[in-house]
Protein backbone atom coordinates (compact mmCIF):
# COMPACT_ATOMS: atom_id res chain seq x y z
CA UNK A 1 -65.66 -133.01 33.31
CA UNK A 2 -67.86 -130.39 31.57
CA UNK A 3 -68.34 -131.49 27.83
CA UNK A 4 -67.75 -129.06 25.40
CA UNK A 5 -70.74 -128.28 22.85
CA UNK A 6 -70.80 -130.63 19.83
CA UNK A 7 -71.71 -133.94 18.34
CA UNK A 8 -70.72 -137.10 20.49
CA UNK A 9 -68.24 -139.96 19.00
CA UNK A 10 -68.81 -143.22 20.96
CA UNK A 11 -65.79 -145.57 20.85
CA UNK A 12 -66.56 -148.13 23.45
CA UNK A 13 -68.39 -149.29 26.64
CA UNK A 14 -66.99 -150.45 29.92
CA UNK A 15 -68.39 -150.55 33.48
CA UNK A 16 -67.52 -148.41 36.46
CA UNK A 17 -64.73 -146.59 34.45
CA UNK A 18 -63.49 -143.36 35.70
CA UNK A 19 -62.02 -140.23 34.04
CA UNK A 20 -58.73 -141.09 35.60
CA UNK A 21 -57.96 -143.93 33.28
CA UNK A 22 -58.23 -141.98 30.17
CA UNK A 23 -56.51 -138.51 30.74
CA UNK A 24 -54.19 -137.80 28.08
CA UNK A 25 -55.72 -140.14 25.96
CA UNK A 26 -56.83 -138.11 22.45
CA UNK A 27 -59.36 -139.12 20.09
CA UNK A 28 -60.40 -138.84 16.31
CA UNK A 29 -60.73 -135.01 16.45
CA UNK A 30 -58.10 -134.43 18.53
CA UNK A 31 -59.96 -133.75 21.61
CA UNK A 32 -59.85 -135.24 25.19
CA UNK A 33 -61.61 -138.63 25.32
CA UNK A 34 -64.10 -138.74 28.12
CA UNK A 35 -65.99 -140.72 30.47
CA UNK A 36 -69.65 -140.70 30.27
CA UNK A 37 -71.12 -142.49 32.78
CA UNK A 38 -74.93 -143.59 33.44
CA UNK A 39 -75.87 -146.29 36.24
CA UNK A 40 -73.55 -149.21 35.92
CA UNK A 41 -72.15 -148.38 32.24
CA UNK A 42 -69.48 -145.86 31.39
CA UNK A 43 -69.37 -144.86 27.52
CA UNK A 44 -66.13 -143.86 26.37
CA UNK A 45 -66.65 -140.56 23.98
CA UNK A 46 -65.14 -137.52 22.58
CA UNK A 47 -66.97 -134.32 21.83
CA UNK A 48 -66.33 -133.75 17.80
CA UNK A 49 -67.41 -130.75 15.75
CA UNK A 50 -70.84 -131.62 14.05
CA UNK A 51 -69.71 -129.68 11.03
CA UNK A 52 -66.55 -131.79 10.47
CA UNK A 53 -68.32 -135.25 11.45
CA UNK A 54 -71.66 -134.78 9.77
CA UNK A 55 -72.87 -138.08 8.00
CA UNK A 56 -72.23 -136.45 4.62
CA UNK A 57 -68.60 -135.45 5.51
CA UNK A 58 -67.71 -138.70 7.09
CA UNK A 59 -69.13 -140.45 3.96
CA UNK A 60 -66.64 -138.37 1.99
CA UNK A 61 -63.60 -139.16 4.62
CA UNK A 62 -64.38 -142.81 4.76
CA UNK A 63 -64.38 -143.33 0.87
CA UNK A 64 -60.88 -141.85 0.74
CA UNK A 65 -58.45 -144.82 1.70
CA UNK A 66 -55.94 -142.73 3.39
CA UNK A 67 -58.27 -141.03 5.42
CA UNK A 68 -60.05 -144.09 6.06
CA UNK A 69 -56.91 -145.41 7.23
CA UNK A 70 -56.27 -142.41 9.47
CA UNK A 71 -59.64 -142.54 11.12
CA UNK A 72 -59.74 -146.31 11.75
CA UNK A 73 -56.08 -146.36 13.40
CA UNK A 74 -57.48 -143.55 15.65
CA UNK A 75 -60.79 -145.21 16.53
CA UNK A 76 -59.04 -148.42 17.21
CA UNK A 77 -56.27 -146.72 19.19
CA UNK A 78 -58.68 -145.58 21.69
CA UNK A 79 -60.49 -148.80 21.93
CA UNK A 80 -57.33 -150.92 22.69
CA UNK A 81 -56.79 -148.32 25.46
CA UNK A 82 -60.05 -148.75 27.04
CA UNK A 83 -60.00 -152.58 26.81
CA UNK A 84 -56.72 -152.42 28.72
CA UNK A 85 -58.39 -150.96 31.51
CA UNK A 86 -61.30 -153.93 31.86
CA UNK A 87 -63.72 -155.70 29.51
CA UNK A 88 -64.92 -153.30 26.88
CA UNK A 89 -67.60 -153.63 24.18
CA UNK A 90 -66.27 -151.64 20.90
CA UNK A 91 -68.57 -149.37 19.06
CA UNK A 92 -68.57 -149.50 15.14
CA UNK A 93 -66.50 -146.74 13.51
CA UNK A 94 -68.20 -143.61 13.09
CA UNK A 95 -70.87 -143.97 15.38
CA UNK A 96 -72.08 -140.49 16.38
CA UNK A 97 -74.59 -138.93 18.30
CA UNK A 98 -76.04 -135.50 18.61
CA UNK A 99 -75.44 -135.22 22.05
CA UNK A 100 -74.34 -136.74 25.56
CA UNK A 101 -77.83 -137.19 26.55
CA UNK A 102 -78.65 -139.28 23.38
CA UNK A 103 -75.90 -141.35 24.34
CA UNK A 104 -77.26 -141.54 27.98
CA UNK A 105 -80.60 -142.55 26.73
CA UNK A 106 -78.91 -145.55 24.96
CA UNK A 107 -77.36 -146.74 27.62
CA UNK A 108 -80.34 -146.83 29.91
CA UNK A 109 -82.70 -148.37 27.37
CA UNK A 110 -80.29 -151.04 26.81
CA UNK A 111 -78.35 -151.41 29.99
CA UNK A 112 -79.00 -155.17 30.89
CA UNK A 113 -78.25 -156.29 27.14
CA UNK A 114 -74.87 -154.32 27.52
CA UNK A 115 -74.28 -155.53 30.98
CA UNK A 116 -74.67 -159.23 29.90
CA UNK A 117 -72.23 -158.62 26.77
CA UNK A 118 -69.76 -157.18 28.89
CA UNK A 119 -69.84 -159.95 31.53
CA UNK A 120 -69.69 -162.41 28.67
CA UNK A 121 -66.53 -160.59 27.24
CA UNK A 122 -64.75 -160.78 30.67
CA UNK A 123 -61.06 -162.21 30.51
CA UNK A 124 -61.76 -163.14 26.80
CA UNK A 125 -59.97 -161.38 23.75
CA UNK A 126 -60.16 -161.69 19.97
CA UNK A 127 -57.76 -163.80 17.93
CA UNK A 128 -57.91 -163.83 14.03
CA UNK A 129 -56.82 -166.80 11.89
CA UNK A 130 -56.27 -166.28 8.33
CA UNK A 131 -54.68 -169.20 6.00
CA UNK A 132 -54.18 -169.71 2.57
CA UNK A 133 -53.59 -172.77 0.28
CA UNK A 134 -52.09 -173.75 -3.00
CA UNK A 135 -55.18 -175.52 -5.16
CA UNK A 136 -52.63 -176.85 -7.72
CA UNK A 137 -50.34 -178.26 -5.03
CA UNK A 138 -53.14 -180.03 -2.97
CA UNK A 139 -54.40 -181.27 -6.01
CA UNK A 140 -50.86 -182.81 -6.84
CA UNK A 141 -50.47 -184.05 -3.44
CA UNK A 142 -54.09 -185.99 -3.60
CA UNK A 143 -53.23 -187.47 -7.10
CA UNK A 144 -49.91 -189.01 -5.77
CA UNK A 145 -51.74 -190.73 -2.99
CA UNK A 146 -52.34 -194.54 -3.60
CA UNK A 147 -55.93 -193.89 -4.25
CA UNK A 148 -55.19 -191.50 -7.27
CA UNK A 149 -53.06 -194.22 -9.13
CA UNK A 150 -54.10 -196.50 -11.95
CA UNK A 151 -54.02 -200.19 -11.32
CA UNK A 152 -50.51 -200.57 -12.59
CA UNK A 153 -49.19 -198.12 -10.14
CA UNK A 154 -48.84 -195.19 -12.49
CA UNK A 155 -50.52 -191.96 -12.08
CA UNK A 156 -53.87 -191.50 -13.65
CA UNK A 157 -53.55 -188.33 -15.68
CA UNK A 158 -56.36 -188.19 -18.59
CA UNK A 159 -55.17 -187.00 -21.80
CA UNK A 160 -54.37 -188.10 -25.38
CA UNK A 161 -50.77 -188.27 -26.60
CA UNK A 162 -51.78 -186.98 -30.37
CA UNK A 163 -52.44 -183.11 -31.26
CA UNK A 164 -55.93 -183.81 -32.66
CA UNK A 165 -58.71 -181.39 -31.91
CA UNK A 166 -60.21 -184.16 -29.91
CA UNK A 167 -56.94 -184.55 -27.80
CA UNK A 168 -56.90 -180.88 -27.33
CA UNK A 169 -60.36 -180.78 -25.91
CA UNK A 170 -59.67 -183.89 -23.76
CA UNK A 171 -56.84 -181.77 -22.32
CA UNK A 172 -58.94 -178.74 -21.85
CA UNK A 173 -61.47 -180.65 -20.06
CA UNK A 174 -58.77 -182.52 -17.73
CA UNK A 175 -57.11 -179.01 -16.86
CA UNK A 176 -60.60 -177.69 -16.11
CA UNK A 177 -61.33 -180.60 -13.99
CA UNK A 178 -57.86 -180.43 -12.03
CA UNK A 179 -58.60 -176.83 -11.44
CA UNK A 180 -61.92 -177.23 -9.92
CA UNK A 181 -60.69 -180.10 -7.78
CA UNK A 182 -57.91 -177.89 -6.51
CA UNK A 183 -60.48 -175.09 -5.72
CA UNK A 184 -62.57 -177.78 -4.00
CA UNK A 185 -59.61 -179.16 -1.62
CA UNK A 186 -58.72 -175.83 -1.00
CA UNK A 187 -62.16 -175.09 0.18
CA UNK A 188 -62.30 -178.31 2.18
CA UNK A 189 -58.88 -176.99 3.85
CA UNK A 190 -60.57 -173.84 5.24
CA UNK A 191 -63.43 -175.96 6.60
CA UNK A 192 -61.09 -178.31 8.17
CA UNK A 193 -59.21 -175.57 10.06
CA UNK A 194 -62.59 -173.62 10.91
CA UNK A 195 -63.93 -176.84 12.27
CA UNK A 196 -60.95 -177.79 14.27
CA UNK A 197 -60.94 -174.37 16.22
CA UNK A 198 -64.34 -173.84 17.03
CA UNK A 199 -64.61 -176.21 20.02
CA UNK A 200 -61.28 -174.09 21.14
CA UNK A 201 -63.17 -170.92 21.38
CA UNK A 202 -66.14 -169.32 22.99
CA UNK A 203 -67.57 -168.06 19.99
CA UNK A 204 -66.44 -167.89 16.37
CA UNK A 205 -67.38 -165.53 13.19
CA UNK A 206 -66.38 -166.35 9.62
CA UNK A 207 -65.55 -163.15 7.64
CA UNK A 208 -65.50 -162.96 3.69
CA UNK A 209 -62.53 -164.23 2.25
CA UNK A 210 -60.16 -161.73 0.19
CA UNK A 211 -59.41 -161.98 -3.16
CA UNK A 212 -55.38 -162.73 -3.34
CA UNK A 213 -55.39 -161.40 -6.70
CA UNK A 214 -55.97 -157.62 -5.47
CA UNK A 215 -53.89 -158.03 -2.47
CA UNK A 216 -50.92 -159.66 -3.97
CA UNK A 217 -51.12 -162.55 -1.24
CA UNK A 218 -49.56 -165.93 -2.17
CA UNK A 219 -52.00 -168.85 -2.61
CA UNK A 220 -55.76 -168.86 -2.21
CA UNK A 221 -57.45 -167.49 1.11
CA UNK A 222 -59.38 -170.42 2.30
CA UNK A 223 -60.09 -168.97 5.96
CA UNK A 224 -60.57 -165.61 7.56
CA UNK A 225 -62.25 -165.73 10.87
CA UNK A 226 -62.27 -164.39 14.38
CA UNK A 227 -62.45 -166.40 17.53
CA UNK A 228 -63.26 -165.47 21.10
CA UNK A 229 -60.64 -167.06 23.27
CA UNK A 230 -59.98 -166.95 27.20
CA UNK A 231 -57.24 -164.59 27.45
CA UNK A 232 -55.27 -167.08 29.41
CA UNK A 233 -55.45 -169.64 26.39
CA UNK A 234 -54.43 -167.32 23.80
CA UNK A 235 -50.77 -168.62 23.11
CA UNK A 236 -52.14 -172.27 23.47
CA UNK A 237 -55.08 -171.50 20.92
CA UNK A 238 -52.38 -169.74 18.45
CA UNK A 239 -50.17 -172.80 18.47
CA UNK A 240 -53.48 -175.13 18.01
CA UNK A 241 -54.07 -173.08 14.78
CA UNK A 242 -50.73 -173.30 13.24
CA UNK A 243 -50.66 -176.99 13.83
CA UNK A 244 -54.39 -177.38 12.43
CA UNK A 245 -53.44 -175.23 9.62
CA UNK A 246 -50.46 -177.27 8.41
CA UNK A 247 -52.41 -180.76 8.88
CA UNK A 248 -55.03 -179.50 6.69
CA UNK A 249 -52.57 -178.46 3.91
CA UNK A 250 -52.39 -174.68 4.70
CA UNK A 251 -49.38 -173.15 2.73
CA UNK A 252 -49.55 -170.20 5.26
CA UNK A 253 -51.19 -169.28 8.21
CA UNK A 254 -51.56 -165.76 10.25
CA UNK A 255 -52.82 -165.76 13.63
CA UNK A 256 -53.39 -161.92 14.93
CA UNK A 257 -54.23 -160.71 18.28
CA UNK A 258 -55.30 -160.04 20.88
CA UNK A 259 -57.87 -157.72 19.67
CA UNK A 260 -60.61 -155.98 21.57
CA UNK A 261 -63.86 -158.02 20.69
CA UNK A 262 -64.76 -156.21 17.54
CA UNK A 263 -66.44 -159.26 15.91
CA UNK A 264 -68.57 -160.09 18.97
CA UNK A 265 -69.71 -156.54 19.69
CA UNK A 266 -73.10 -156.96 18.06
CA UNK A 267 -74.73 -159.72 20.08
CA UNK A 268 -73.20 -162.45 22.71
CA UNK A 269 -74.37 -165.46 20.81
CA UNK A 270 -72.87 -164.37 17.47
């Protein structure tokens, strides 16, 4: 296929991928997605208008939430289609080269590295695990344990019965201490889940936690992680993730996938 003139948007890398598997697949600019071969590697690309997809124009598009969602979804759809054909190394969103020749140079210079990464990703898939906890509930559960009771069997509840200033300050200190303890228990909940899942995966990566006040999610997010899992073991891994989260005290857990290995595209030992 003779590529039209323009810049080259790169979606993913694969090995020995022919054009037939990509026929009819449209990309971010609405054009036909192409297989750009170089030695053992195939870059899945699309020719785009350099005026529309310049660094400045992309910066404007990717700061608009609606436009960002559209661009990300179209990019993702192509990456998913490529991953369905075999091991695929996803490229970051908005990876644009000035020409096909620049892409071929990249493939030639880093051929061994990319081939090792594709071999490492073969028959593996990314699975996402997010977990939320209720710090107050975790703290209440801890305080009802025997170790949290006073010698007479009553709950150890700091505070004074009167309404003096000293009593108020004591109550405030107790409230702040309880809140801090709840936060600590919630963080430990996430750490326990992650530590239990790491041995079940080929690799893992922790992502930043989301502020649930902004997203409207219930509870406090305590885990946002990706795991590279053998494709055949994905159902068992998902079941283990839910069971581990329940034992650790998570009030909610979300297991997603299979995904292309976005979180592990930078380096095999990530």
